[in-house]
Amino acid sequence: MKRLSICIPTYNFGKFIGVTLDSILPQLSEGVEVIVLDGGSTDGTAIEVASRQRNCPQLHYIQQGFRGGIDRDIEMVVSLATGKYCWLFSADDIMLSGAIEKILKAIESDCDVYLCEHVLCNLKMDPICEYPPLMNQHGPCLFNLGEALQRREYFRLARTSEAFFSFMSSPIFKKETWDAATVPESFRGSCWIVAGHLLSMIPKGLTVYYLAEISLHKRGENDSFADRGIVNRFRIAIESFQHVANMVFGERSEEAFHIRRVLQQDIPLRYLMLAKLRATESPAFEDIQVLNRIVGMHYADPGLGNWIRYAMYKVAHPLILKLVHHQQRYWRKM
């Protein structure tokens, strides 16, 4: 058995995947493989991968021939892995030099999941900011999420939904742990299958080692989930992730509450205001009724802050939103 499988599901990321592979392949050592699963790309993905495969026998390319969807493609590429651990990696992110060596050393401790950090970048990969998923954790830390007190501490420390495995490139997980998860069919199509698999293992005991170290640069402004509009993108983030949380922990659980809390950090009110403006300007493309529903879900927990944010969303007039939006764009250009 290999030590590590770097698993890359992709669809029409031909203009990015070459750079991604170029950041990974020079780091490969014995016992490490890279598996690219192409879910029916119609661009130059095959050419980009083939040009690198000739000089790298550890790079495996599987052309699926059809678009399976991100959840099923992720499950498929993990099923093809022969490593003890899998590192799911996005086909447009950049792995930092030395990252694989550090991960190989880390996984010797035999935890279920290792969680790394990243730098958020723009589309051109210019760094914007660091994006740690936990608050006030400046060094490595081990959590056994199967134990109630440690789970409570971890969930309270969560800064973003990435602490709950929402970002594909952050967790490195033991394949047998992934395979042991019982995942409801409704998770397939949610776009959060990684979170679904790993969160489902918490009741059985899941050890998470927070590495507190940056291992990659994340390419922003390239959200493949946004192809059907901003409202649908927020529906995926809010409604679908809440569904996963509610199915695993129960809607009124403390765990589901913290997942809703960090989703509010990921999607602040100003984003929802922009979505409301888009929905009023393009009603044929952006569904205001869907947006109203998910905003209600977003701020459903009791509390003055949620009441104020929801009220502000409800009363915001499109003309005011448009004026504010144009002013913000003007000041950004100054």
Protein backbone atom coordinates (compact mmCIF):
# COMPACT_ATOMS: atom_id res chain seq x y z
CA MET A 1 0.00 0.00 0.00
CA LYS A 2 1.21 3.49 -0.86
CA ARG A 3 1.47 6.10 1.87
CA LEU A 4 -0.37 8.95 0.16
CA SER A 5 -2.69 9.38 -2.81
CA ILE A 6 -3.23 12.90 -4.10
CA CYS A 7 -6.67 12.75 -5.69
CA ILE A 8 -7.72 15.40 -8.21
CA PRO A 9 -11.26 15.31 -9.63
CA THR A 10 -11.62 17.76 -12.50
CA TYR A 11 -14.00 19.04 -15.12
CA ASN A 12 -12.95 21.60 -17.75
CA PHE A 13 -10.07 23.02 -15.71
CA GLY A 14 -7.60 22.54 -18.54
CA LYS A 15 -6.23 26.08 -18.28
CA PHE A 16 -5.40 25.56 -14.60
CA ILE A 17 -4.58 21.90 -14.05
CA GLY A 18 -1.14 22.08 -15.68
CA VAL A 19 0.06 24.66 -13.17
CA THR A 20 -1.49 22.63 -10.35
CA LEU A 21 0.33 19.47 -11.43
CA ASP A 22 3.57 21.40 -11.85
CA SER A 23 3.36 22.37 -8.18
CA ILE A 24 2.82 18.75 -7.11
CA LEU A 25 4.81 16.41 -9.35
CA PRO A 26 8.34 17.64 -8.47
CA GLN A 27 7.56 16.85 -4.83
CA LEU A 28 6.62 13.20 -5.38
CA SER A 29 8.60 10.54 -3.59
CA GLU A 30 8.33 6.79 -3.20
CA GLY A 31 4.95 5.71 -1.95
CA VAL A 32 3.09 8.75 -3.28
CA GLU A 33 0.76 8.76 -6.29
CA VAL A 34 -1.37 11.34 -8.09
CA ILE A 35 -4.73 10.33 -9.54
CA VAL A 36 -6.59 12.68 -11.88
CA LEU A 37 -10.20 11.73 -12.57
CA ASP A 38 -11.57 13.64 -15.55
CA GLY A 39 -15.34 13.85 -15.30
CA GLY A 40 -16.02 14.36 -19.00
CA SER A 41 -13.99 17.49 -19.78
CA THR A 42 -14.42 19.00 -23.23
CA ASP A 43 -11.42 21.33 -23.06
CA GLY A 44 -7.66 20.70 -23.13
CA THR A 45 -7.46 18.83 -19.83
CA ALA A 46 -6.34 15.55 -21.43
CA ILE A 47 -3.52 17.27 -23.32
CA GLU A 48 -2.26 19.06 -20.21
CA VAL A 49 -2.21 15.88 -18.14
CA ALA A 50 -0.73 13.69 -20.89
CA SER A 51 2.18 16.06 -21.45
CA ARG A 52 3.20 15.56 -17.82
CA GLN A 53 2.28 11.90 -17.53
CA ARG A 54 5.02 10.86 -19.96
CA ASN A 55 7.70 11.82 -17.46
CA CYS A 56 5.89 10.79 -14.30
CA PRO A 57 4.78 7.17 -13.86
CA GLN A 58 3.25 8.09 -10.50
CA LEU A 59 0.66 10.25 -12.29
CA HIS A 60 -2.46 8.31 -13.27
CA TYR A 61 -5.14 9.79 -15.54
CA ILE A 62 -8.63 8.32 -15.78
CA GLN A 63 -11.06 9.71 -18.34
CA GLN A 64 -14.53 8.96 -17.08
CA GLY A 65 -16.21 10.00 -20.31
CA PHE A 66 -19.20 11.64 -18.64
CA ARG A 67 -19.93 14.36 -16.10
CA GLY A 68 -20.68 12.58 -12.87
CA GLY A 69 -21.02 15.69 -10.70
CA ILE A 70 -18.55 16.80 -8.06
CA ASP A 71 -19.78 14.52 -5.25
CA ARG A 72 -19.76 11.30 -7.26
CA ASP A 73 -16.49 12.22 -8.95
CA ILE A 74 -14.88 12.79 -5.55
CA GLU A 75 -16.10 9.43 -4.32
CA MET A 76 -14.88 7.79 -7.51
CA VAL A 77 -11.37 9.25 -7.39
CA VAL A 78 -10.99 8.25 -3.74
CA SER A 79 -12.13 4.71 -4.60
CA LEU A 80 -9.28 4.52 -7.14
CA ALA A 81 -6.66 5.52 -4.59
CA THR A 82 -4.22 2.92 -3.28
CA GLY A 83 -2.71 5.06 -0.54
CA LYS A 84 -3.32 4.74 3.18
CA TYR A 85 -4.12 8.47 3.17
CA CYS A 86 -5.84 10.59 0.55
CA TRP A 87 -5.32 14.28 -0.10
CA LEU A 88 -8.16 15.57 -2.24
CA PHE A 89 -6.81 18.50 -4.20
CA SER A 90 -8.58 21.02 -6.39
CA ALA A 91 -7.45 21.15 -10.03
CA ASP A 92 -6.81 24.89 -9.83
CA ASP A 93 -4.99 25.25 -6.49
CA ILE A 94 -1.22 25.43 -5.99
CA MET A 95 0.64 23.17 -3.56
CA LEU A 96 3.50 24.88 -1.76
CA SER A 97 7.01 23.50 -2.03
CA GLY A 98 7.81 20.95 0.65
CA ALA A 99 4.16 20.31 1.50
CA ILE A 100 4.15 16.60 0.64
CA GLU A 101 7.26 15.93 2.72
CA LYS A 102 5.62 17.61 5.72
CA ILE A 103 2.38 15.69 5.25
CA LEU A 104 4.22 12.38 4.99
CA LYS A 105 5.93 13.13 8.28
CA ALA A 106 2.67 14.19 9.91
CA ILE A 107 0.67 11.11 8.93
CA GLU A 108 3.11 8.89 10.78
CA SER A 109 1.05 9.73 13.89
CA ASP A 110 -1.85 7.77 12.32
CA CYS A 111 -4.73 10.18 12.95
CA ASP A 112 -7.93 10.01 10.93
CA VAL A 113 -7.75 13.53 9.48
CA TYR A 114 -5.05 16.18 9.13
CA LEU A 115 -6.24 19.72 8.44
CA CYS A 116 -3.97 22.21 6.73
CA GLU A 117 -4.31 25.93 6.09
CA HIS A 118 -4.11 27.93 2.86
CA VAL A 119 -3.64 31.42 1.49
CA LEU A 120 -6.62 32.82 -0.39
CA CYS A 121 -5.59 34.26 -3.76
CA ASN A 122 -7.31 35.93 -6.69
CA LEU A 123 -7.78 34.34 -10.09
CA LYS A 124 -4.20 35.20 -11.08
CA MET A 125 -2.94 33.62 -7.85
CA ASP A 126 -1.88 36.91 -6.28
CA PRO A 127 -2.13 36.36 -2.50
CA ILE A 128 -4.96 38.16 -0.72
CA CYS A 129 -4.96 36.85 2.83
CA GLU A 130 -4.41 33.86 5.05
CA TYR A 131 -7.53 31.90 5.91
CA PRO A 132 -7.12 29.74 9.05
CA PRO A 133 -10.18 27.57 9.75
CA LEU A 134 -9.72 27.68 13.55
CA MET A 135 -9.51 30.69 15.82
CA ASN A 136 -6.48 31.43 18.00
CA GLN A 137 -4.63 28.23 17.14
CA HIS A 138 -1.03 29.14 16.37
CA GLY A 139 0.44 25.68 16.66
CA PRO A 140 -0.49 22.05 15.95
CA CYS A 141 -3.28 20.57 18.04
CA LEU A 142 -4.97 17.19 18.25
CA PHE A 143 -8.72 16.76 18.78
CA ASN A 144 -10.65 13.54 19.32
CA LEU A 145 -14.09 14.55 18.05
CA GLY A 146 -15.57 11.32 19.36
CA GLU A 147 -15.19 12.74 22.89
CA ALA A 148 -17.87 15.28 23.79
CA LEU A 149 -15.65 17.85 25.51
CA GLN A 150 -13.03 17.88 22.77
CA ARG A 151 -15.72 18.02 20.09
CA ARG A 152 -17.34 20.99 21.82
CA GLU A 153 -14.01 22.81 22.02
CA TYR A 154 -13.25 22.15 18.35
CA PHE A 155 -16.66 23.31 17.16
CA ARG A 156 -16.45 26.46 19.25
CA LEU A 157 -13.00 27.24 17.85
CA ALA A 158 -14.22 26.89 14.26
CA ARG A 159 -13.73 30.15 12.36
CA THR A 160 -15.00 29.08 8.95
CA SER A 161 -16.82 26.09 7.48
CA GLU A 162 -13.43 24.72 6.42
CA ALA A 163 -13.07 23.46 9.97
CA PHE A 164 -15.90 21.11 9.00
CA PHE A 165 -14.18 20.00 5.80
CA SER A 166 -16.01 22.25 3.33
CA PHE A 167 -12.86 23.04 1.31
CA MET A 168 -11.69 20.01 -0.64
CA SER A 169 -7.96 20.79 -0.55
CA SER A 170 -7.64 21.22 3.24
CA PRO A 171 -8.19 17.75 4.80
CA ILE A 172 -5.88 14.77 4.34
CA PHE A 173 -7.76 11.71 5.57
CA LYS A 174 -7.27 8.01 6.17
CA LYS A 175 -8.92 6.10 3.33
CA GLU A 176 -10.32 3.40 5.60
CA THR A 177 -12.02 6.11 7.67
CA TRP A 178 -13.61 7.55 4.54
CA ASP A 179 -14.71 4.12 3.37
CA ALA A 180 -16.28 3.28 6.73
CA ALA A 181 -18.70 6.23 6.59
CA THR A 182 -22.37 5.53 5.92
CA VAL A 183 -23.47 8.41 3.71
CA PRO A 184 -27.14 9.14 2.91
CA GLU A 185 -27.93 9.35 -0.80
CA SER A 186 -29.14 12.92 -0.29
CA PHE A 187 -25.53 13.98 0.36
CA ARG A 188 -24.68 13.11 -3.24
CA GLY A 189 -25.70 16.19 -5.14
CA SER A 190 -25.27 18.48 -2.13
CA CYS A 191 -21.71 19.45 -3.25
CA TRP A 192 -20.51 18.70 0.31
CA ILE A 193 -19.70 15.01 0.07
CA VAL A 194 -16.31 15.48 1.75
CA ALA A 195 -17.94 17.04 4.80
CA GLY A 196 -20.62 14.37 4.64
CA HIS A 197 -18.14 11.49 4.78
CA LEU A 198 -15.91 12.92 7.49
CA LEU A 199 -18.57 14.46 9.74
CA SER A 200 -20.50 11.18 9.61
CA MET A 201 -17.56 9.47 11.31
CA ILE A 202 -17.54 11.76 14.35
CA PRO A 203 -20.03 9.68 16.39
CA LYS A 204 -17.75 6.67 15.87
CA GLY A 205 -14.69 8.65 16.94
CA LEU A 206 -12.68 10.88 14.59
CA THR A 207 -9.20 12.16 15.44
CA VAL A 208 -8.37 15.46 13.74
CA TYR A 209 -4.84 16.84 13.83
CA TYR A 210 -4.84 20.55 13.08
CA LEU A 211 -1.49 21.21 11.42
CA ALA A 212 -1.71 25.01 11.80
CA GLU A 213 0.51 25.36 8.73
CA ILE A 214 -0.11 26.73 5.25
CA SER A 215 0.28 24.03 2.58
CA LEU A 216 -1.33 25.57 -0.50
CA HIS A 217 -2.60 28.64 -2.29
CA LYS A 218 -6.30 28.60 -3.13
CA ARG A 219 -7.38 30.14 -6.43
CA GLY A 220 -10.29 32.46 -5.80
CA GLU A 221 -12.71 34.02 -8.30
CA ASN A 222 -13.05 30.61 -9.97
CA ASP A 223 -16.05 29.07 -8.25
CA SER A 224 -17.35 26.17 -10.33
CA PHE A 225 -20.49 26.07 -8.14
CA ALA A 226 -21.53 29.54 -9.34
CA ASP A 227 -22.36 28.61 -12.93
CA ARG A 228 -26.11 28.81 -12.20
CA GLY A 229 -26.03 32.18 -10.49
CA ILE A 230 -25.22 33.71 -7.14
CA VAL A 231 -28.53 32.73 -5.53
CA ASN A 232 -28.04 29.07 -6.36
CA ARG A 233 -24.45 29.31 -5.13
CA PHE A 234 -25.65 30.58 -1.77
CA ARG A 235 -28.38 27.92 -1.73
CA ILE A 236 -25.69 25.27 -2.06
CA ALA A 237 -23.64 26.82 0.73
CA ILE A 238 -26.49 27.46 3.17
CA GLU A 239 -29.26 24.96 2.48
CA SER A 240 -27.13 22.01 1.39
CA PHE A 241 -24.52 22.34 4.12
CA GLN A 242 -27.21 22.76 6.76
CA HIS A 243 -28.84 19.59 5.41
CA VAL A 244 -25.60 17.65 5.95
CA ALA A 245 -25.24 19.08 9.47
CA ASN A 246 -28.84 18.33 10.40
CA MET A 247 -28.67 14.77 9.08
CA VAL A 248 -25.47 13.98 11.00
CA PHE A 249 -26.07 15.83 14.28
CA GLY A 250 -29.72 16.92 14.39
CA GLU A 251 -31.04 20.39 13.60
CA ARG A 252 -31.14 21.57 17.22
CA SER A 253 -27.74 20.17 18.18
CA GLU A 254 -24.84 22.35 19.30
CA GLU A 255 -22.79 20.99 16.40
CA ALA A 256 -25.35 22.06 13.79
CA PHE A 257 -25.58 25.46 15.49
CA HIS A 258 -21.85 26.04 15.09
CA ILE A 259 -21.98 25.00 11.46
CA ARG A 260 -24.71 27.59 10.91
CA ARG A 261 -22.60 30.12 12.80
CA VAL A 262 -19.53 29.70 10.62
CA LEU A 263 -21.64 29.75 7.47
CA GLN A 264 -22.64 33.26 8.52
CA GLN A 265 -18.95 34.14 8.55
CA ASP A 266 -18.48 32.61 5.10
CA ILE A 267 -21.55 34.41 3.71
CA PRO A 268 -21.98 37.78 5.44
CA LEU A 269 -25.00 40.03 5.05
CA ARG A 270 -23.38 42.19 2.37
CA TYR A 271 -23.13 39.15 0.07
CA LEU A 272 -26.83 38.47 0.52
CA MET A 273 -27.64 42.10 -0.16
CA LEU A 274 -25.74 41.85 -3.44
CA ALA A 275 -27.66 38.69 -4.28
CA LYS A 276 -30.93 40.52 -3.61
CA LEU A 277 -29.85 43.27 -6.01
CA ARG A 278 -28.93 40.69 -8.66
CA ALA A 279 -32.28 38.96 -8.21
CA THR A 280 -34.20 42.18 -8.75
CA GLU A 281 -32.14 43.08 -11.82
CA SER A 282 -32.18 39.58 -13.38
CA PRO A 283 -35.32 37.82 -12.10
CA ALA A 284 -35.23 35.26 -14.92
CA PHE A 285 -31.80 34.03 -13.76
CA GLU A 286 -31.75 34.72 -10.01
CA ASP A 287 -34.70 33.39 -7.98
CA ILE A 288 -35.70 35.88 -5.27
CA GLN A 289 -38.03 33.37 -3.61
CA VAL A 290 -35.18 30.90 -3.17
CA LEU A 291 -33.00 33.69 -1.83
CA ASN A 292 -35.65 34.79 0.67
CA ARG A 293 -35.97 31.20 1.88
CA ILE A 294 -32.27 30.61 2.44
CA VAL A 295 -31.76 33.99 4.09
CA GLY A 296 -34.48 32.97 6.53
CA MET A 297 -32.57 29.75 7.20
CA HIS A 298 -29.30 31.66 7.52
CA TYR A 299 -30.60 33.84 10.33
CA ALA A 300 -33.07 31.42 11.92
CA ASP A 301 -31.25 31.01 15.22
CA PRO A 302 -32.61 33.24 18.01
CA GLY A 303 -30.63 36.32 18.95
CA LEU A 304 -30.67 40.07 18.46
CA GLY A 305 -27.88 40.01 15.87
CA ASN A 306 -29.70 37.55 13.63
CA TRP A 307 -32.98 39.47 14.04
CA ILE A 308 -31.31 42.73 13.00
CA ARG A 309 -29.53 41.20 9.98
CA TYR A 310 -32.67 39.51 8.74
CA ALA A 311 -34.69 42.70 9.20
CA MET A 312 -32.07 44.72 7.31
CA TYR A 313 -32.22 42.23 4.44
CA LYS A 314 -36.01 42.34 4.32
CA VAL A 315 -36.35 46.13 4.31
CA ALA A 316 -33.44 46.89 1.95
CA HIS A 317 -34.89 48.50 -1.18
CA PRO A 318 -33.27 47.55 -4.53
CA LEU A 319 -32.65 51.21 -5.41
CA ILE A 320 -30.72 51.75 -2.18
CA LEU A 321 -28.79 48.54 -2.73
CA LYS A 322 -27.89 49.64 -6.24
CA LEU A 323 -26.68 53.03 -5.04
CA VAL A 324 -24.54 51.49 -2.28
CA HIS A 325 -23.11 48.93 -4.70
CA HIS A 326 -22.09 51.59 -7.22
CA GLN A 327 -20.50 53.69 -4.48
CA GLN A 328 -18.47 50.72 -3.26
CA ARG A 329 -17.25 50.03 -6.78
CA TYR A 330 -16.30 53.69 -7.17
CA TRP A 331 -14.26 53.78 -3.97
CA ARG A 332 -12.45 50.54 -4.88
CA LYS A 333 -11.27 52.20 -8.08
CA MET A 334 -9.94 55.25 -6.24
